[in-house]
Amino acid sequence: MRHRVHGRKLGRPTPHRTALLRNLCTSLFEHERVTTTVQKAKEMRPVAEKLITWAKRAVFTPGRQAAGFLLKAAVLQKLFDTIAVRFADRNGGYTRIIKLGYREGDGADLAIIELLGSELSVRKAEKAAAKAEEEKAKASKKPKSDKTKE
C-alpha cells in the first residue's frame, strides 16, 4: 500500500535529488524560465514557491534558509529585490507549468516551468534577438555598386 506517500524519487538518491532541486530553483530564479521534464517541474514547484514566500517575509531566519538553499548570491539578491516585490500582493501560485510534448532522443515528457510575469521579458528578449539577427542578415548582404564601366 502507498498510504501517505508523496513526492517522486526521480531515480536518484536523496542528496542527488536535493542537489538537482537546488540547481533547478537557482536556474529558475536566474532566468525566470526553465525547460525540464514534467516530473522534475512538478517536484520543483512547491520548493520554488516556498522560497518565494520566504523572500516575501523578508525577515532574518527565512532569508538565511533561502540563502542556504540557493547556489548563487546574485540569484538570492534577485529573489529578494525583484521577485519578492513582484509577488508581494499574491498569496501563492507564483509559477506556471506548460507542457511541451516529448523529447526526441528518449521520449521524455517535457515542460516549461516559469515565474508568472516572466513571459513579457522572454518575449522582449526573443524580439530583440530576432531584430539583431535580422540586422546581421542585412549587414551580411553586399551592397550593389552604382559604378558602371564606360
N, C-alpha and C. Protein backbone atom coordinates (compact mmCIF):
# COMPACT_ATOMS: atom_id res chain seq x y z
N MET A 1 0.83 -1.18 0.00
CA MET A 1 0.00 0.00 0.00
C MET A 1 0.88 1.24 0.00
N ARG A 2 0.34 2.30 -0.57
CA ARG A 2 1.12 3.53 -0.66
C ARG A 2 0.42 4.67 0.08
N HIS A 3 -0.07 4.40 1.24
CA HIS A 3 -0.74 5.45 2.00
C HIS A 3 0.25 6.52 2.42
N ARG A 4 -0.15 7.77 2.25
CA ARG A 4 0.60 8.95 2.70
C ARG A 4 2.00 9.05 2.08
N VAL A 5 2.19 8.44 0.94
CA VAL A 5 3.47 8.54 0.24
C VAL A 5 3.31 9.61 -0.84
N HIS A 6 4.13 10.64 -0.78
CA HIS A 6 4.05 11.68 -1.78
C HIS A 6 5.47 12.03 -2.24
N GLY A 7 5.54 12.64 -3.39
CA GLY A 7 6.83 13.02 -3.94
C GLY A 7 7.41 11.94 -4.82
N ARG A 8 8.30 12.37 -5.68
CA ARG A 8 8.95 11.45 -6.61
C ARG A 8 10.42 11.34 -6.23
N LYS A 9 10.98 10.17 -6.44
CA LYS A 9 12.40 9.99 -6.16
C LYS A 9 13.26 10.35 -7.37
N LEU A 10 12.65 10.43 -8.53
CA LEU A 10 13.33 10.84 -9.77
C LEU A 10 14.54 9.97 -10.10
N GLY A 11 14.56 8.75 -9.61
CA GLY A 11 15.65 7.83 -9.93
C GLY A 11 16.98 8.23 -9.34
N ARG A 12 16.97 8.98 -8.25
CA ARG A 12 18.20 9.47 -7.65
C ARG A 12 18.19 9.25 -6.15
N PRO A 13 19.37 9.08 -5.55
CA PRO A 13 19.42 9.06 -4.08
C PRO A 13 19.12 10.46 -3.52
N THR A 14 18.81 10.55 -2.25
CA THR A 14 18.35 11.79 -1.64
C THR A 14 19.31 12.97 -1.82
N PRO A 15 20.62 12.83 -1.58
CA PRO A 15 21.48 14.00 -1.78
C PRO A 15 21.53 14.49 -3.22
N HIS A 16 21.49 13.56 -4.16
CA HIS A 16 21.49 13.92 -5.58
C HIS A 16 20.19 14.63 -5.93
N ARG A 17 19.09 14.16 -5.39
CA ARG A 17 17.79 14.76 -5.65
C ARG A 17 17.71 16.19 -5.09
N THR A 18 18.21 16.40 -3.89
CA THR A 18 18.19 17.75 -3.32
C THR A 18 19.11 18.69 -4.10
N ALA A 19 20.25 18.18 -4.56
CA ALA A 19 21.14 18.99 -5.38
C ALA A 19 20.47 19.36 -6.70
N LEU A 20 19.74 18.43 -7.29
CA LEU A 20 19.01 18.69 -8.52
C LEU A 20 17.99 19.80 -8.31
N LEU A 21 17.23 19.73 -7.22
CA LEU A 21 16.21 20.74 -6.94
C LEU A 21 16.84 22.11 -6.67
N ARG A 22 17.98 22.12 -5.97
CA ARG A 22 18.67 23.38 -5.72
C ARG A 22 19.14 24.01 -7.04
N ASN A 23 19.71 23.19 -7.92
CA ASN A 23 20.17 23.70 -9.22
C ASN A 23 19.00 24.22 -10.05
N LEU A 24 17.90 23.46 -10.09
CA LEU A 24 16.75 23.88 -10.88
C LEU A 24 16.15 25.18 -10.34
N CYS A 25 16.03 25.30 -9.02
CA CYS A 25 15.47 26.52 -8.43
C CYS A 25 16.38 27.72 -8.68
N THR A 26 17.67 27.51 -8.58
CA THR A 26 18.61 28.60 -8.85
C THR A 26 18.48 29.05 -10.30
N SER A 27 18.39 28.10 -11.22
CA SER A 27 18.24 28.45 -12.64
C SER A 27 16.90 29.12 -12.91
N LEU A 28 15.85 28.67 -12.23
CA LEU A 28 14.53 29.28 -12.42
C LEU A 28 14.54 30.75 -12.00
N PHE A 29 15.13 31.05 -10.85
CA PHE A 29 15.15 32.42 -10.39
C PHE A 29 16.12 33.27 -11.20
N GLU A 30 17.14 32.66 -11.76
CA GLU A 30 18.11 33.40 -12.57
C GLU A 30 17.53 33.76 -13.93
N HIS A 31 16.91 32.79 -14.60
CA HIS A 31 16.42 33.00 -15.97
C HIS A 31 14.91 33.21 -16.03
N GLU A 32 14.20 32.94 -14.95
CA GLU A 32 12.75 33.05 -14.82
C GLU A 32 11.98 32.07 -15.70
N ARG A 33 12.69 31.15 -16.32
CA ARG A 33 12.03 30.14 -17.16
C ARG A 33 13.02 29.00 -17.38
N VAL A 34 12.56 27.75 -17.17
CA VAL A 34 13.43 26.59 -17.31
C VAL A 34 12.66 25.50 -18.05
N THR A 35 13.32 24.84 -18.99
CA THR A 35 12.74 23.69 -19.68
C THR A 35 13.31 22.43 -19.06
N THR A 36 12.43 21.54 -18.61
CA THR A 36 12.83 20.30 -17.95
C THR A 36 11.73 19.27 -18.17
N THR A 37 11.84 18.13 -17.52
CA THR A 37 10.78 17.13 -17.63
C THR A 37 9.61 17.53 -16.74
N VAL A 38 8.44 17.00 -17.04
CA VAL A 38 7.23 17.32 -16.29
C VAL A 38 7.39 16.89 -14.83
N GLN A 39 7.97 15.73 -14.58
CA GLN A 39 8.11 15.22 -13.23
C GLN A 39 9.02 16.13 -12.39
N LYS A 40 10.14 16.56 -12.98
CA LYS A 40 11.04 17.45 -12.26
C LYS A 40 10.37 18.81 -12.00
N ALA A 41 9.62 19.29 -12.97
CA ALA A 41 8.92 20.57 -12.79
C ALA A 41 7.89 20.48 -11.67
N LYS A 42 7.17 19.37 -11.61
CA LYS A 42 6.16 19.21 -10.56
C LYS A 42 6.79 19.07 -9.18
N GLU A 43 7.98 18.50 -9.11
CA GLU A 43 8.68 18.39 -7.84
C GLU A 43 9.31 19.72 -7.44
N MET A 44 9.70 20.50 -8.41
CA MET A 44 10.36 21.76 -8.14
C MET A 44 9.38 22.85 -7.73
N ARG A 45 8.16 22.78 -8.21
CA ARG A 45 7.19 23.85 -7.97
C ARG A 45 6.99 24.19 -6.49
N PRO A 46 6.70 23.23 -5.60
CA PRO A 46 6.50 23.61 -4.20
C PRO A 46 7.75 24.18 -3.54
N VAL A 47 8.92 23.71 -3.95
CA VAL A 47 10.16 24.21 -3.38
C VAL A 47 10.37 25.67 -3.79
N ALA A 48 10.16 25.97 -5.07
CA ALA A 48 10.35 27.33 -5.56
C ALA A 48 9.33 28.28 -4.93
N GLU A 49 8.11 27.83 -4.79
CA GLU A 49 7.09 28.69 -4.20
C GLU A 49 7.36 28.95 -2.72
N LYS A 50 7.91 27.97 -2.03
CA LYS A 50 8.27 28.17 -0.63
C LYS A 50 9.39 29.19 -0.51
N LEU A 51 10.37 29.14 -1.43
CA LEU A 51 11.46 30.11 -1.41
C LEU A 51 10.94 31.53 -1.66
N ILE A 52 9.99 31.68 -2.57
CA ILE A 52 9.42 33.00 -2.83
C ILE A 52 8.66 33.50 -1.60
N THR A 53 7.95 32.62 -0.94
CA THR A 53 7.23 33.01 0.27
C THR A 53 8.21 33.44 1.36
N TRP A 54 9.32 32.73 1.51
CA TRP A 54 10.35 33.13 2.47
C TRP A 54 10.89 34.51 2.12
N ALA A 55 11.11 34.77 0.84
CA ALA A 55 11.64 36.07 0.42
C ALA A 55 10.64 37.19 0.66
N LYS A 56 9.35 36.89 0.52
CA LYS A 56 8.33 37.90 0.77
C LYS A 56 8.29 38.30 2.24
N ARG A 57 8.57 37.39 3.13
CA ARG A 57 8.56 37.71 4.57
C ARG A 57 9.65 38.70 4.91
N ALA A 58 10.80 38.57 4.24
CA ALA A 58 11.93 39.49 4.40
C ALA A 58 12.35 39.66 5.86
N VAL A 59 12.33 38.58 6.62
CA VAL A 59 12.87 38.60 7.98
C VAL A 59 14.11 37.73 8.01
N PHE A 60 14.80 37.71 9.11
CA PHE A 60 16.14 37.14 9.17
C PHE A 60 16.18 35.64 8.90
N THR A 61 15.41 34.85 9.62
CA THR A 61 15.52 33.39 9.51
C THR A 61 15.13 32.85 8.13
N PRO A 62 13.98 33.23 7.56
CA PRO A 62 13.69 32.74 6.20
C PRO A 62 14.73 33.17 5.18
N GLY A 63 15.30 34.35 5.36
CA GLY A 63 16.35 34.79 4.44
C GLY A 63 17.58 33.92 4.51
N ARG A 64 17.93 33.51 5.71
CA ARG A 64 19.09 32.61 5.87
C ARG A 64 18.78 31.23 5.29
N GLN A 65 17.54 30.77 5.46
CA GLN A 65 17.17 29.47 4.90
C GLN A 65 17.24 29.51 3.37
N ALA A 66 16.73 30.59 2.78
CA ALA A 66 16.80 30.72 1.32
C ALA A 66 18.25 30.82 0.86
N ALA A 67 19.08 31.54 1.62
CA ALA A 67 20.49 31.67 1.27
C ALA A 67 21.20 30.33 1.35
N GLY A 68 20.79 29.47 2.25
CA GLY A 68 21.39 28.15 2.37
C GLY A 68 20.95 27.20 1.28
N PHE A 69 19.84 27.52 0.61
CA PHE A 69 19.32 26.63 -0.42
C PHE A 69 19.80 27.02 -1.81
N LEU A 70 19.78 28.31 -2.13
CA LEU A 70 20.19 28.76 -3.46
C LEU A 70 21.71 28.74 -3.58
N LEU A 71 22.20 28.58 -4.79
CA LEU A 71 23.62 28.37 -5.02
C LEU A 71 24.39 29.62 -5.40
N LYS A 72 23.72 30.69 -5.80
CA LYS A 72 24.41 31.90 -6.25
C LYS A 72 23.90 33.10 -5.46
N ALA A 73 24.82 33.92 -5.01
CA ALA A 73 24.45 35.10 -4.23
C ALA A 73 23.68 36.11 -5.07
N ALA A 74 24.01 36.23 -6.35
CA ALA A 74 23.32 37.17 -7.23
C ALA A 74 21.86 36.76 -7.41
N VAL A 75 21.62 35.46 -7.48
CA VAL A 75 20.25 34.96 -7.63
C VAL A 75 19.46 35.21 -6.36
N LEU A 76 20.11 35.04 -5.21
CA LEU A 76 19.45 35.33 -3.93
C LEU A 76 19.07 36.80 -3.86
N GLN A 77 19.95 37.67 -4.29
CA GLN A 77 19.66 39.11 -4.30
C GLN A 77 18.49 39.42 -5.23
N LYS A 78 18.46 38.78 -6.39
CA LYS A 78 17.36 38.98 -7.34
C LYS A 78 16.04 38.49 -6.74
N LEU A 79 16.10 37.36 -6.04
CA LEU A 79 14.90 36.81 -5.42
C LEU A 79 14.31 37.80 -4.42
N PHE A 80 15.15 38.39 -3.59
CA PHE A 80 14.67 39.31 -2.56
C PHE A 80 14.31 40.68 -3.12
N ASP A 81 15.05 41.16 -4.12
CA ASP A 81 14.83 42.52 -4.61
C ASP A 81 13.73 42.63 -5.65
N THR A 82 13.68 41.71 -6.60
CA THR A 82 12.72 41.87 -7.70
C THR A 82 11.58 40.86 -7.65
N ILE A 83 11.88 39.60 -7.42
CA ILE A 83 10.84 38.57 -7.50
C ILE A 83 9.88 38.68 -6.32
N ALA A 84 10.39 38.88 -5.12
CA ALA A 84 9.52 39.00 -3.95
C ALA A 84 8.65 40.24 -4.05
N VAL A 85 9.19 41.31 -4.60
CA VAL A 85 8.40 42.54 -4.76
C VAL A 85 7.30 42.33 -5.80
N ARG A 86 7.62 41.59 -6.86
CA ARG A 86 6.62 41.33 -7.91
C ARG A 86 5.42 40.57 -7.37
N PHE A 87 5.66 39.64 -6.43
CA PHE A 87 4.58 38.81 -5.91
C PHE A 87 4.12 39.23 -4.52
N ALA A 88 4.36 40.47 -4.14
CA ALA A 88 4.04 40.93 -2.79
C ALA A 88 2.55 40.85 -2.49
N ASP A 89 1.70 41.09 -3.47
CA ASP A 89 0.26 41.09 -3.23
C ASP A 89 -0.41 39.78 -3.61
N ARG A 90 0.38 38.77 -3.92
CA ARG A 90 -0.16 37.47 -4.35
C ARG A 90 0.04 36.45 -3.25
N ASN A 91 -0.96 35.60 -3.01
CA ASN A 91 -0.92 34.65 -1.90
C ASN A 91 -0.45 33.25 -2.29
N GLY A 92 0.11 33.09 -3.43
CA GLY A 92 0.58 31.77 -3.86
C GLY A 92 0.39 31.62 -5.35
N GLY A 93 0.80 30.50 -5.88
CA GLY A 93 0.67 30.27 -7.31
C GLY A 93 1.58 31.16 -8.11
N TYR A 94 2.87 31.14 -7.78
CA TYR A 94 3.83 32.03 -8.42
C TYR A 94 4.40 31.44 -9.71
N THR A 95 4.19 30.15 -9.95
CA THR A 95 4.80 29.50 -11.12
C THR A 95 3.72 28.92 -12.02
N ARG A 96 4.14 28.66 -13.25
CA ARG A 96 3.25 28.06 -14.24
C ARG A 96 4.02 26.94 -14.93
N ILE A 97 3.36 25.80 -15.15
CA ILE A 97 3.97 24.68 -15.86
C ILE A 97 3.23 24.52 -17.19
N ILE A 98 3.99 24.58 -18.27
CA ILE A 98 3.43 24.44 -19.62
C ILE A 98 4.03 23.19 -20.24
N LYS A 99 3.19 22.23 -20.61
CA LYS A 99 3.68 21.00 -21.21
C LYS A 99 4.02 21.23 -22.67
N LEU A 100 5.17 20.67 -23.09
CA LEU A 100 5.67 20.90 -24.44
C LEU A 100 5.47 19.72 -25.38
N GLY A 101 5.51 18.52 -24.87
CA GLY A 101 5.46 17.35 -25.72
C GLY A 101 6.57 16.40 -25.31
N TYR A 102 7.04 15.62 -26.26
CA TYR A 102 8.03 14.59 -25.94
C TYR A 102 9.39 14.95 -26.53
N ARG A 103 10.43 14.60 -25.78
CA ARG A 103 11.80 14.84 -26.23
C ARG A 103 12.15 13.84 -27.33
N GLU A 104 12.92 14.31 -28.31
CA GLU A 104 13.26 13.49 -29.47
C GLU A 104 14.08 12.26 -29.10
N GLY A 105 15.08 12.42 -28.25
CA GLY A 105 16.02 11.33 -28.00
C GLY A 105 15.45 10.18 -27.20
N ASP A 106 14.84 10.47 -26.04
CA ASP A 106 14.40 9.40 -25.16
C ASP A 106 12.89 9.37 -24.93
N GLY A 107 12.17 10.31 -25.51
CA GLY A 107 10.71 10.30 -25.38
C GLY A 107 10.21 10.83 -24.05
N ALA A 108 11.06 11.53 -23.30
CA ALA A 108 10.63 12.08 -22.00
C ALA A 108 9.64 13.21 -22.22
N ASP A 109 8.67 13.32 -21.33
CA ASP A 109 7.64 14.35 -21.40
C ASP A 109 8.23 15.67 -20.90
N LEU A 110 8.32 16.68 -21.76
CA LEU A 110 8.97 17.94 -21.42
C LEU A 110 7.96 19.00 -21.01
N ALA A 111 8.43 19.96 -20.21
CA ALA A 111 7.60 21.08 -19.79
C ALA A 111 8.48 22.30 -19.54
N ILE A 112 7.84 23.45 -19.60
CA ILE A 112 8.49 24.70 -19.21
C ILE A 112 7.88 25.10 -17.88
N ILE A 113 8.72 25.41 -16.91
CA ILE A 113 8.24 25.99 -15.66
C ILE A 113 8.76 27.42 -15.63
N GLU A 114 7.85 28.36 -15.40
CA GLU A 114 8.23 29.77 -15.43
C GLU A 114 7.52 30.53 -14.33
N LEU A 115 8.12 31.63 -13.95
CA LEU A 115 7.50 32.53 -12.99
C LEU A 115 6.44 33.34 -13.71
N LEU A 116 5.34 33.61 -13.04
CA LEU A 116 4.29 34.42 -13.65
C LEU A 116 4.84 35.82 -13.90
N GLY A 117 4.51 36.38 -15.04
CA GLY A 117 5.01 37.70 -15.40
C GLY A 117 6.30 37.66 -16.16
N SER A 118 6.96 36.51 -16.22
CA SER A 118 8.24 36.44 -16.93
C SER A 118 8.05 36.31 -18.43
N GLU A 119 6.85 35.96 -18.86
CA GLU A 119 6.62 35.79 -20.30
C GLU A 119 6.84 37.09 -21.05
N LEU A 120 6.61 38.23 -20.38
CA LEU A 120 6.84 39.51 -21.04
C LEU A 120 8.32 39.74 -21.30
N SER A 121 9.15 39.45 -20.32
CA SER A 121 10.59 39.64 -20.51
C SER A 121 11.15 38.66 -21.53
N VAL A 122 10.59 37.44 -21.56
CA VAL A 122 11.04 36.45 -22.54
C VAL A 122 10.67 36.89 -23.94
N ARG A 123 9.47 37.43 -24.10
CA ARG A 123 9.06 37.91 -25.43
C ARG A 123 9.93 39.08 -25.88
N LYS A 124 10.25 39.99 -24.95
CA LYS A 124 11.12 41.11 -25.30
C LYS A 124 12.49 40.60 -25.74
N ALA A 125 13.02 39.61 -25.02
CA ALA A 125 14.33 39.05 -25.37
C ALA A 125 14.28 38.36 -26.73
N GLU A 126 13.19 37.63 -26.99
CA GLU A 126 13.05 36.96 -28.28
C GLU A 126 12.95 37.98 -29.42
N LYS A 127 12.19 39.06 -29.20
CA LYS A 127 12.08 40.09 -30.23
C LYS A 127 13.42 40.77 -30.47
N ALA A 128 14.16 41.03 -29.40
CA ALA A 128 15.47 41.67 -29.54
C ALA A 128 16.43 40.75 -30.30
N ALA A 129 16.38 39.45 -30.00
CA ALA A 129 17.24 38.50 -30.70
C ALA A 129 16.87 38.42 -32.17
N ALA A 130 15.57 38.42 -32.46
CA ALA A 130 15.13 38.36 -33.86
C ALA A 130 15.55 39.62 -34.60
N LYS A 131 15.44 40.77 -33.94
CA LYS A 131 15.83 42.02 -34.58
C LYS A 131 17.33 42.06 -34.84
N ALA A 132 18.12 41.58 -33.88
CA ALA A 132 19.57 41.54 -34.06
C ALA A 132 19.95 40.60 -35.19
N GLU A 133 19.26 39.48 -35.27
CA GLU A 133 19.54 38.52 -36.36
C GLU A 133 19.18 39.12 -37.71
N GLU A 134 18.07 39.86 -37.75
CA GLU A 134 17.63 40.50 -38.98
C GLU A 134 18.65 41.55 -39.44
N GLU A 135 19.14 42.34 -38.49
CA GLU A 135 20.14 43.36 -38.83
C GLU A 135 21.44 42.71 -39.28
N LYS A 136 21.79 41.59 -38.67
CA LYS A 136 23.00 40.87 -39.06
C LYS A 136 22.87 40.35 -40.48
N ALA A 137 21.67 39.86 -40.84
CA ALA A 137 21.44 39.35 -42.19
C ALA A 137 21.52 40.49 -43.20
N LYS A 138 20.99 41.66 -42.84
CA LYS A 138 21.06 42.81 -43.75
C LYS A 138 22.51 43.26 -43.94
N ALA A 139 23.28 43.24 -42.86
CA ALA A 139 24.66 43.69 -42.93
C ALA A 139 25.52 42.73 -43.75
N SER A 140 25.16 41.46 -43.76
CA SER A 140 25.98 40.48 -44.48
C SER A 140 25.77 40.55 -45.99
N LYS A 141 24.64 41.11 -46.41
CA LYS A 141 24.41 41.26 -47.85
C LYS A 141 25.32 42.34 -48.39
N LYS A 142 25.90 42.07 -49.54
CA LYS A 142 26.81 43.05 -50.15
C LYS A 142 26.00 44.10 -50.90
N PRO A 143 26.30 45.35 -50.67
CA PRO A 143 25.58 46.39 -51.42
C PRO A 143 26.04 46.40 -52.88
N LYS A 144 25.09 46.69 -53.76
CA LYS A 144 25.42 46.74 -55.18
C LYS A 144 26.11 48.08 -55.47
N SER A 145 27.11 48.02 -56.32
CA SER A 145 27.80 49.27 -56.67
C SER A 145 27.11 49.92 -57.85
N ASP A 146 27.08 51.23 -57.81
CA ASP A 146 26.41 52.00 -58.89
C ASP A 146 27.38 52.36 -60.02
N LYS A 147 28.63 52.07 -59.84
CA LYS A 147 29.62 52.43 -60.86
C LYS A 147 29.53 51.45 -62.02
N THR A 148 29.49 52.00 -63.18
CA THR A 148 29.47 51.18 -64.39
C THR A 148 30.64 51.57 -65.26
N LYS A 149 31.13 50.64 -66.03
CA LYS A 149 32.24 50.91 -66.93
C LYS A 149 31.72 51.55 -68.21
N GLU A 150 32.45 52.52 -68.69
CA GLU A 150 32.04 53.20 -69.91
C GLU A 150 32.94 52.90 -71.06
